[in-house]
């Protein structure tokens, strides 16, 4: 069955991280979301989830955004 025109497989984008990099990102220690302890999950997903460690909420990001926050912002995620 053909995909709808608005759907695309983001894994084919040139800057989509490979499984090894996604695994490393998920294993990142010291992740925070709005200043609270958090974790990154979803190695096999197109869009990973950053969730509070206590399970009280989560936010979906692109892998490219996760890479940027982990590498350039000290793994400190923020919502608006």
Protein backbone atom coordinates (compact mmCIF):
# COMPACT_ATOMS: atom_id res chain seq x y z
CA UNK A 1 0.00 0.00 0.00
CA UNK A 2 1.51 3.41 -0.94
CA UNK A 3 2.23 5.93 1.78
CA UNK A 4 0.22 9.10 2.08
CA UNK A 5 2.07 12.09 0.55
CA UNK A 6 2.63 13.74 3.95
CA UNK A 7 4.35 10.67 5.40
CA UNK A 8 8.03 10.16 4.91
CA UNK A 9 10.64 7.91 6.35
CA UNK A 10 12.95 10.22 8.29
CA UNK A 11 15.61 7.51 8.46
CA UNK A 12 16.60 8.40 4.90
CA UNK A 13 17.54 11.97 5.82
CA UNK A 14 21.30 12.49 5.55
CA UNK A 15 21.75 13.58 9.17
CA UNK A 16 19.61 10.82 10.76
CA UNK A 17 21.83 9.05 13.31
CA UNK A 18 22.60 5.36 12.85
CA UNK A 19 21.64 2.79 15.48
CA UNK A 20 25.03 3.01 17.19
CA UNK A 21 24.68 6.77 17.69
CA UNK A 22 21.04 6.45 18.78
CA UNK A 23 22.12 3.84 21.36
CA UNK A 24 24.80 6.19 22.69
CA UNK A 25 22.28 9.03 22.93
CA UNK A 26 19.80 6.87 24.85
CA UNK A 27 22.58 5.89 27.28
CA UNK A 28 23.41 9.53 28.05
CA UNK A 29 23.65 10.19 31.78
CA UNK A 30 22.64 13.44 33.46
CA UNK A 31 19.69 14.15 31.16
CA UNK A 32 17.22 16.75 32.42
CA UNK A 33 13.88 18.02 31.14
CA UNK A 34 12.98 21.49 32.41
CA UNK A 35 15.61 21.08 35.11
CA UNK A 36 14.24 17.76 36.40
CA UNK A 37 15.92 14.33 36.01
CA UNK A 38 14.90 12.67 32.74
CA UNK A 39 15.81 9.94 30.30
CA UNK A 40 15.86 9.46 26.54
CA UNK A 41 14.03 6.42 25.12
CA UNK A 42 13.14 5.01 21.73
CA UNK A 43 16.20 3.66 19.93
CA UNK A 44 14.00 2.03 17.29
CA UNK A 45 11.63 5.00 16.90
CA UNK A 46 11.87 7.72 14.25
CA UNK A 47 11.27 10.30 17.02
CA UNK A 48 12.64 9.52 20.49
CA UNK A 49 10.93 10.50 23.72
CA UNK A 50 12.50 12.45 26.58
CA UNK A 51 10.55 11.72 29.73
CA UNK A 52 10.78 12.72 33.35
CA UNK A 53 12.50 10.04 35.42
CA UNK A 54 9.41 9.79 37.64
CA UNK A 55 7.19 9.15 34.59
CA UNK A 56 5.09 12.28 35.09
CA UNK A 57 5.42 13.50 31.50
CA UNK A 58 7.32 13.25 28.24
CA UNK A 59 8.14 15.15 25.06
CA UNK A 60 8.89 13.79 21.59
CA UNK A 61 11.91 15.24 19.76
CA UNK A 62 13.71 14.52 16.52
CA UNK A 63 16.96 12.57 16.75
CA UNK A 64 18.74 15.59 15.32
CA UNK A 65 17.41 17.77 18.16
CA UNK A 66 18.39 15.16 20.75
CA UNK A 67 21.90 15.02 19.30
CA UNK A 68 22.19 18.82 19.45
CA UNK A 69 20.94 19.09 23.05
CA UNK A 70 23.15 16.25 24.28
CA UNK A 71 26.28 17.48 22.49
CA UNK A 72 25.89 21.24 22.80
CA UNK A 73 23.53 21.92 25.70
CA UNK A 74 24.70 19.44 28.33
CA UNK A 75 21.67 17.14 27.83
CA UNK A 76 19.43 19.83 29.39
CA UNK A 77 16.16 19.64 27.45
CA UNK A 78 13.56 22.39 27.73
CA UNK A 79 9.99 22.82 26.66
CA UNK A 80 8.64 26.24 25.76
